[in-house]
Amino acid sequence: MREISGLLYYRVARIWYIFLPNLEWSDVVEELLGELRGMTDALTDSDVTAFGEVRAKYLRWMLKKVSRYISSG
């Protein structure tokens, strides 16, 4: 999981930081905190499936936000 998460981070980070200033900061912070809480809970429970589901949910949210920005620009 660490390797996959690291790989995804480095591949997506440069794109994400380009769009971040155009997103609602409070929404981004709340979603990120939710993701961190969910991942912490999953790791505490040793639930790899739940961990993956949390990551997938956040990635879908992020892609939806970025897509909305691209289509409106």
PDB file of N, CA and C in Angstrom:
ATOM      1  N   MET A   1       0.823  -1.183   0.000  1.00  0.00           N
ATOM      2  CA  MET A   1       0.000   0.000   0.000  1.00  0.00           C
ATOM      3  C   MET A   1       0.875   1.256   0.000  1.00  0.00           C
ATOM      4  N   ARG A   2       1.956   1.213   0.748  1.00  0.00           N
ATOM      5  CA  ARG A   2       2.831   2.382   0.810  1.00  0.00           C
ATOM      6  C   ARG A   2       3.420   2.675  -0.565  1.00  0.00           C
ATOM      7  N   GLU A   3       3.845   1.628  -1.258  1.00  0.00           N
ATOM      8  CA  GLU A   3       4.443   1.813  -2.579  1.00  0.00           C
ATOM      9  C   GLU A   3       3.431   2.366  -3.580  1.00  0.00           C
ATOM     10  N   ILE A   4       2.227   1.809  -3.575  1.00  0.00           N
ATOM     11  CA  ILE A   4       1.182   2.260  -4.495  1.00  0.00           C
ATOM     12  C   ILE A   4       0.773   3.692  -4.169  1.00  0.00           C
ATOM     13  N   SER A   5       0.578   3.993  -2.880  1.00  0.00           N
ATOM     14  CA  SER A   5       0.198   5.350  -2.494  1.00  0.00           C
ATOM     15  C   SER A   5       1.277   6.349  -2.878  1.00  0.00           C
ATOM     16  N   GLY A   6       2.528   5.987  -2.668  1.00  0.00           N
ATOM     17  CA  GLY A   6       3.627   6.868  -3.042  1.00  0.00           C
ATOM     18  C   GLY A   6       3.669   7.109  -4.535  1.00  0.00           C
ATOM     19  N   LEU A   7       3.497   6.053  -5.302  1.00  0.00           N
ATOM     20  CA  LEU A   7       3.504   6.177  -6.755  1.00  0.00           C
ATOM     21  C   LEU A   7       2.372   7.090  -7.229  1.00  0.00           C
ATOM     22  N   LEU A   8       1.174   6.867  -6.711  1.00  0.00           N
ATOM     23  CA  LEU A   8       0.043   7.710  -7.088  1.00  0.00           C
ATOM     24  C   LEU A   8       0.286   9.159  -6.698  1.00  0.00           C
ATOM     25  N   TYR A   9       0.825   9.369  -5.506  1.00  0.00           N
ATOM     26  CA  TYR A   9       1.071  10.736  -5.048  1.00  0.00           C
ATOM     27  C   TYR A   9       1.989  11.470  -6.008  1.00  0.00           C
ATOM     28  N   TYR A  10       3.113  10.883  -6.332  1.00  0.00           N
ATOM     29  CA  TYR A  10       4.081  11.575  -7.179  1.00  0.00           C
ATOM     30  C   TYR A  10       3.594  11.766  -8.603  1.00  0.00           C
ATOM     31  N   ARG A  11       2.743  10.885  -9.071  1.00  0.00           N
ATOM     32  CA  ARG A  11       2.215  11.040 -10.434  1.00  0.00           C
ATOM     33  C   ARG A  11       1.114  12.089 -10.506  1.00  0.00           C
ATOM     34  N   VAL A  12       0.356  12.230  -9.431  1.00  0.00           N
ATOM     35  CA  VAL A  12      -0.790  13.130  -9.426  1.00  0.00           C
ATOM     36  C   VAL A  12      -0.464  14.485  -8.799  1.00  0.00           C
ATOM     37  N   ALA A  13       0.547  14.541  -7.942  1.00  0.00           N
ATOM     38  CA  ALA A  13       0.820  15.746  -7.154  1.00  0.00           C
ATOM     39  C   ALA A  13       0.988  16.994  -8.007  1.00  0.00           C
ATOM     40  N   ARG A  14       1.756  16.918  -9.061  1.00  0.00           N
ATOM     41  CA  ARG A  14       1.996  18.136  -9.843  1.00  0.00           C
ATOM     42  C   ARG A  14       0.709  18.647 -10.480  1.00  0.00           C
ATOM     43  N   ILE A  15      -0.167  17.754 -10.913  1.00  0.00           N
ATOM     44  CA  ILE A  15      -1.444  18.165 -11.499  1.00  0.00           C
ATOM     45  C   ILE A  15      -2.351  18.732 -10.414  1.00  0.00           C
ATOM     46  N   TRP A  16      -2.400  18.047  -9.269  1.00  0.00           N
ATOM     47  CA  TRP A  16      -3.250  18.455  -8.162  1.00  0.00           C
ATOM     48  C   TRP A  16      -2.894  19.869  -7.707  1.00  0.00           C
ATOM     49  N   TYR A  17      -1.611  20.160  -7.565  1.00  0.00           N
ATOM     50  CA  TYR A  17      -1.189  21.478  -7.088  1.00  0.00           C
ATOM     51  C   TYR A  17      -1.494  22.576  -8.089  1.00  0.00           C
ATOM     52  N   ILE A  18      -1.601  22.245  -9.347  1.00  0.00           N
ATOM     53  CA  ILE A  18      -1.987  23.234 -10.357  1.00  0.00           C
ATOM     54  C   ILE A  18      -3.443  23.650 -10.153  1.00  0.00           C
ATOM     55  N   PHE A  19      -4.314  22.690  -9.829  1.00  0.00           N
ATOM     56  CA  PHE A  19      -5.740  22.959  -9.689  1.00  0.00           C
ATOM     57  C   PHE A  19      -6.137  23.426  -8.296  1.00  0.00           C
ATOM     58  N   LEU A  20      -5.338  23.145  -7.298  1.00  0.00           N
ATOM     59  CA  LEU A  20      -5.680  23.464  -5.914  1.00  0.00           C
ATOM     60  C   LEU A  20      -6.104  24.913  -5.702  1.00  0.00           C
ATOM     61  N   PRO A  21      -5.413  25.903  -6.268  1.00  0.00           N
ATOM     62  CA  PRO A  21      -5.840  27.297  -6.049  1.00  0.00           C
ATOM     63  C   PRO A  21      -7.235  27.608  -6.609  1.00  0.00           C
ATOM     64  N   ASN A  22      -7.719  26.796  -7.518  1.00  0.00           N
ATOM     65  CA  ASN A  22      -9.027  27.027  -8.124  1.00  0.00           C
ATOM     66  C   ASN A  22     -10.157  26.287  -7.417  1.00  0.00           C
ATOM     67  N   LEU A  23      -9.829  25.554  -6.388  1.00  0.00           N
ATOM     68  CA  LEU A  23     -10.825  24.780  -5.651  1.00  0.00           C
ATOM     69  C   LEU A  23     -11.176  25.487  -4.359  1.00  0.00           C
ATOM     70  N   GLU A  24     -12.271  25.110  -3.773  1.00  0.00           N
ATOM     71  CA  GLU A  24     -12.729  25.665  -2.508  1.00  0.00           C
ATOM     72  C   GLU A  24     -11.868  25.085  -1.391  1.00  0.00           C
ATOM     73  N   TRP A  25     -11.014  25.928  -0.803  1.00  0.00           N
ATOM     74  CA  TRP A  25     -10.028  25.461   0.184  1.00  0.00           C
ATOM     75  C   TRP A  25     -10.678  24.717   1.344  1.00  0.00           C
ATOM     76  N   SER A  26     -11.764  25.220   1.893  1.00  0.00           N
ATOM     77  CA  SER A  26     -12.400  24.560   3.041  1.00  0.00           C
ATOM     78  C   SER A  26     -12.900  23.163   2.666  1.00  0.00           C
ATOM     79  N   ASP A  27     -13.413  23.004   1.448  1.00  0.00           N
ATOM     80  CA  ASP A  27     -13.853  21.678   0.992  1.00  0.00           C
ATOM     81  C   ASP A  27     -12.671  20.715   0.886  1.00  0.00           C
ATOM     82  N   VAL A  28     -11.580  21.208   0.340  1.00  0.00           N
ATOM     83  CA  VAL A  28     -10.385  20.376   0.174  1.00  0.00           C
ATOM     84  C   VAL A  28      -9.870  19.914   1.537  1.00  0.00           C
ATOM     85  N   VAL A  29      -9.796  20.834   2.488  1.00  0.00           N
ATOM     86  CA  VAL A  29      -9.306  20.499   3.826  1.00  0.00           C
ATOM     87  C   VAL A  29     -10.230  19.484   4.495  1.00  0.00           C
ATOM     88  N   GLU A  30     -11.539  19.696   4.426  1.00  0.00           N
ATOM     89  CA  GLU A  30     -12.493  18.763   5.044  1.00  0.00           C
ATOM     90  C   GLU A  30     -12.397  17.370   4.427  1.00  0.00           C
ATOM     91  N   GLU A  31     -12.293  17.310   3.110  1.00  0.00           N
ATOM     92  CA  GLU A  31     -12.186  16.010   2.449  1.00  0.00           C
ATOM     93  C   GLU A  31     -10.876  15.308   2.819  1.00  0.00           C
ATOM     94  N   LEU A  32      -9.806  16.069   2.867  1.00  0.00           N
ATOM     95  CA  LEU A  32      -8.518  15.486   3.237  1.00  0.00           C
ATOM     96  C   LEU A  32      -8.537  14.958   4.671  1.00  0.00           C
ATOM     97  N   LEU A  33      -9.124  15.728   5.573  1.00  0.00           N
ATOM     98  CA  LEU A  33      -9.244  15.257   6.961  1.00  0.00           C
ATOM     99  C   LEU A  33     -10.105  13.997   7.049  1.00  0.00           C
ATOM    100  N   GLY A  34     -11.176  13.966   6.265  1.00  0.00           N
ATOM    101  CA  GLY A  34     -12.021  12.766   6.231  1.00  0.00           C
ATOM    102  C   GLY A  34     -11.263  11.560   5.725  1.00  0.00           C
ATOM    103  N   GLU A  35     -10.459  11.780   4.692  1.00  0.00           N
ATOM    104  CA  GLU A  35      -9.649  10.683   4.154  1.00  0.00           C
ATOM    105  C   GLU A  35      -8.656  10.191   5.205  1.00  0.00           C
ATOM    106  N   LEU A  36      -7.983  11.111   5.868  1.00  0.00           N
ATOM    107  CA  LEU A  36      -7.002  10.720   6.886  1.00  0.00           C
ATOM    108  C   LEU A  36      -7.661   9.973   8.045  1.00  0.00           C
ATOM    109  N   ARG A  37      -8.842  10.432   8.473  1.00  0.00           N
ATOM    110  CA  ARG A  37      -9.569   9.716   9.535  1.00  0.00           C
ATOM    111  C   ARG A  37      -9.941   8.308   9.085  1.00  0.00           C
ATOM    112  N   GLY A  38     -10.441   8.203   7.873  1.00  0.00           N
ATOM    113  CA  GLY A  38     -10.833   6.896   7.346  1.00  0.00           C
ATOM    114  C   GLY A  38      -9.653   5.951   7.214  1.00  0.00           C
ATOM    115  N   MET A  39      -8.533   6.463   6.725  1.00  0.00           N
ATOM    116  CA  MET A  39      -7.343   5.617   6.586  1.00  0.00           C
ATOM    117  C   MET A  39      -6.811   5.205   7.956  1.00  0.00           C
ATOM    118  N   THR A  40      -6.831   6.131   8.909  1.00  0.00           N
ATOM    119  CA  THR A  40      -6.377   5.808  10.264  1.00  0.00           C
ATOM    120  C   THR A  40      -7.244   4.719  10.876  1.00  0.00           C
ATOM    121  N   ASP A  41      -8.553   4.849  10.728  1.00  0.00           N
ATOM    122  CA  ASP A  41      -9.469   3.820  11.253  1.00  0.00           C
ATOM    123  C   ASP A  41      -9.210   2.469  10.600  1.00  0.00           C
ATOM    124  N   ALA A  42      -9.039   2.469   9.285  1.00  0.00           N
ATOM    125  CA  ALA A  42      -8.797   1.216   8.564  1.00  0.00           C
ATOM    126  C   ALA A  42      -7.482   0.576   9.001  1.00  0.00           C
ATOM    127  N   LEU A  43      -6.439   1.374   9.157  1.00  0.00           N
ATOM    128  CA  LEU A  43      -5.152   0.837   9.589  1.00  0.00           C
ATOM    129  C   LEU A  43      -5.218   0.335  11.026  1.00  0.00           C
ATOM    130  N   THR A  44      -5.932   1.049  11.880  1.00  0.00           N
ATOM    131  CA  THR A  44      -6.105   0.614  13.269  1.00  0.00           C
ATOM    132  C   THR A  44      -6.793  -0.745  13.320  1.00  0.00           C
ATOM    133  N   ASP A  45      -7.762  -0.945  12.420  1.00  0.00           N
ATOM    134  CA  ASP A  45      -8.503  -2.209  12.352  1.00  0.00           C
ATOM    135  C   ASP A  45      -7.809  -3.251  11.483  1.00  0.00           C
ATOM    136  N   SER A  46      -6.647  -2.917  10.922  1.00  0.00           N
ATOM    137  CA  SER A  46      -5.923  -3.799   9.993  1.00  0.00           C
ATOM    138  C   SER A  46      -6.817  -4.231   8.838  1.00  0.00           C
ATOM    139  N   ASP A  47      -7.618  -3.302   8.340  1.00  0.00           N
ATOM    140  CA  ASP A  47      -8.580  -3.584   7.273  1.00  0.00           C
ATOM    141  C   ASP A  47      -8.088  -2.976   5.955  1.00  0.00           C
ATOM    142  N   VAL A  48      -7.385  -3.776   5.193  1.00  0.00           N
ATOM    143  CA  VAL A  48      -6.802  -3.308   3.935  1.00  0.00           C
ATOM    144  C   VAL A  48      -7.897  -2.947   2.935  1.00  0.00           C
ATOM    145  N   THR A  49      -8.985  -3.679   2.932  1.00  0.00           N
ATOM    146  CA  THR A  49     -10.090  -3.386   2.017  1.00  0.00           C
ATOM    147  C   THR A  49     -10.672  -2.013   2.309  1.00  0.00           C
ATOM    148  N   ALA A  50     -10.929  -1.734   3.572  1.00  0.00           N
ATOM    149  CA  ALA A  50     -11.470  -0.427   3.949  1.00  0.00           C
ATOM    150  C   ALA A  50     -10.497   0.686   3.590  1.00  0.00           C
ATOM    151  N   PHE A  51      -9.205   0.440   3.783  1.00  0.00           N
ATOM    152  CA  PHE A  51      -8.185   1.428   3.428  1.00  0.00           C
ATOM    153  C   PHE A  51      -8.283   1.758   1.939  1.00  0.00           C
ATOM    154  N   GLY A  52      -8.368   0.742   1.109  1.00  0.00           N
ATOM    155  CA  GLY A  52      -8.489   0.947  -0.334  1.00  0.00           C
ATOM    156  C   GLY A  52      -9.757   1.677  -0.709  1.00  0.00           C
ATOM    157  N   GLU A  53     -10.850   1.360  -0.024  1.00  0.00           N
ATOM    158  CA  GLU A  53     -12.124   2.028  -0.301  1.00  0.00           C
ATOM    159  C   GLU A  53     -12.057   3.513   0.050  1.00  0.00           C
ATOM    160  N   VAL A  54     -11.400   3.832   1.154  1.00  0.00           N
ATOM    161  CA  VAL A  54     -11.243   5.230   1.551  1.00  0.00           C
ATOM    162  C   VAL A  54     -10.427   5.980   0.500  1.00  0.00           C
ATOM    163  N   ARG A  55      -9.313   5.405   0.073  1.00  0.00           N
ATOM    164  CA  ARG A  55      -8.467   6.049  -0.944  1.00  0.00           C
ATOM    165  C   ARG A  55      -9.246   6.232  -2.245  1.00  0.00           C
ATOM    166  N   ALA A  56      -9.995   5.213  -2.652  1.00  0.00           N
ATOM    167  CA  ALA A  56     -10.761   5.294  -3.902  1.00  0.00           C
ATOM    168  C   ALA A  56     -11.826   6.384  -3.822  1.00  0.00           C
ATOM    169  N   LYS A  57     -12.502   6.479  -2.685  1.00  0.00           N
ATOM    170  CA  LYS A  57     -13.533   7.505  -2.509  1.00  0.00           C
ATOM    171  C   LYS A  57     -12.925   8.897  -2.649  1.00  0.00           C
ATOM    172  N   TYR A  58     -11.794   9.126  -2.020  1.00  0.00           N
ATOM    173  CA  TYR A  58     -11.152  10.434  -2.084  1.00  0.00           C
ATOM    174  C   TYR A  58     -10.662  10.732  -3.503  1.00  0.00           C
ATOM    175  N   LEU A  59     -10.077   9.764  -4.155  1.00  0.00           N
ATOM    176  CA  LEU A  59      -9.598   9.984  -5.524  1.00  0.00           C
ATOM    177  C   LEU A  59     -10.754  10.310  -6.467  1.00  0.00           C
ATOM    178  N   ARG A  60     -11.909   9.637  -6.286  1.00  0.00           N
ATOM    179  CA  ARG A  60     -13.084   9.954  -7.113  1.00  0.00           C
ATOM    180  C   ARG A  60     -13.540  11.386  -6.862  1.00  0.00           C
ATOM    181  N   TRP A  61     -13.545  11.802  -5.580  1.00  0.00           N
ATOM    182  CA  TRP A  61     -13.944  13.168  -5.233  1.00  0.00           C
ATOM    183  C   TRP A  61     -13.013  14.171  -5.909  1.00  0.00           C
ATOM    184  N   MET A  62     -11.706  13.928  -5.795  1.00  0.00           N
ATOM    185  CA  MET A  62     -10.722  14.835  -6.362  1.00  0.00           C
ATOM    186  C   MET A  62     -10.878  14.925  -7.883  1.00  0.00           C
ATOM    187  N   LEU A  63     -11.032  13.788  -8.533  1.00  0.00           N
ATOM    188  CA  LEU A  63     -11.197  13.782  -9.992  1.00  0.00           C
ATOM    189  C   LEU A  63     -12.463  14.516 -10.411  1.00  0.00           C
ATOM    190  N   LYS A  64     -13.531  14.362  -9.638  1.00  0.00           N
ATOM    191  CA  LYS A  64     -14.773  15.065  -9.943  1.00  0.00           C
ATOM    192  C   LYS A  64     -14.561  16.579  -9.842  1.00  0.00           C
ATOM    193  N   LYS A  65     -13.864  17.025  -8.798  1.00  0.00           N
ATOM    194  CA  LYS A  65     -13.595  18.451  -8.630  1.00  0.00           C
ATOM    195  C   LYS A  65     -12.732  18.984  -9.770  1.00  0.00           C
ATOM    196  N   VAL A  66     -11.675  18.286 -10.095  1.00  0.00           N
ATOM    197  CA  VAL A  66     -10.782  18.717 -11.164  1.00  0.00           C
ATOM    198  C   VAL A  66     -11.513  18.708 -12.504  1.00  0.00           C
ATOM    199  N   SER A  67     -12.299  17.678 -12.751  1.00  0.00           N
ATOM    200  CA  SER A  67     -13.066  17.592 -14.013  1.00  0.00           C
ATOM    201  C   SER A  67     -14.045  18.741 -14.143  1.00  0.00           C
ATOM    202  N   ARG A  68     -14.692  19.089 -13.045  1.00  0.00           N
ATOM    203  CA  ARG A  68     -15.631  20.196 -13.058  1.00  0.00           C
ATOM    204  C   ARG A  68     -14.908  21.507 -13.403  1.00  0.00           C
ATOM    205  N   TYR A  69     -13.721  21.678 -12.864  1.00  0.00           N
ATOM    206  CA  TYR A  69     -12.939  22.877 -13.140  1.00  0.00           C
ATOM    207  C   TYR A  69     -12.530  22.918 -14.625  1.00  0.00           C
ATOM    208  N   ILE A  70     -12.078  21.769 -15.148  1.00  0.00           N
ATOM    209  CA  ILE A  70     -11.640  21.711 -16.542  1.00  0.00           C
ATOM    210  C   ILE A  70     -12.807  22.014 -17.483  1.00  0.00           C
ATOM    211  N   SER A  71     -13.977  21.412 -17.207  1.00  0.00           N
ATOM    212  CA  SER A  71     -15.114  21.589 -18.106  1.00  0.00           C
ATOM    213  C   SER A  71     -15.710  22.992 -18.038  1.00  0.00           C
ATOM    214  N   SER A  72     -15.509  23.693 -16.909  1.00  0.00           N
ATOM    215  CA  SER A  72     -16.047  25.051 -16.807  1.00  0.00           C
ATOM    216  C   SER A  72     -15.065  26.091 -17.332  1.00  0.00           C
ATOM    217  N   GLY A  73     -13.792  25.687 -17.500  1.00  0.00           N
ATOM    218  CA  GLY A  73     -12.754  26.641 -17.932  1.00  0.00           C
ATOM    219  C   GLY A  73     -12.646  26.712 -19.390  1.00  0.00           C
TER     220      GLY A  73
END
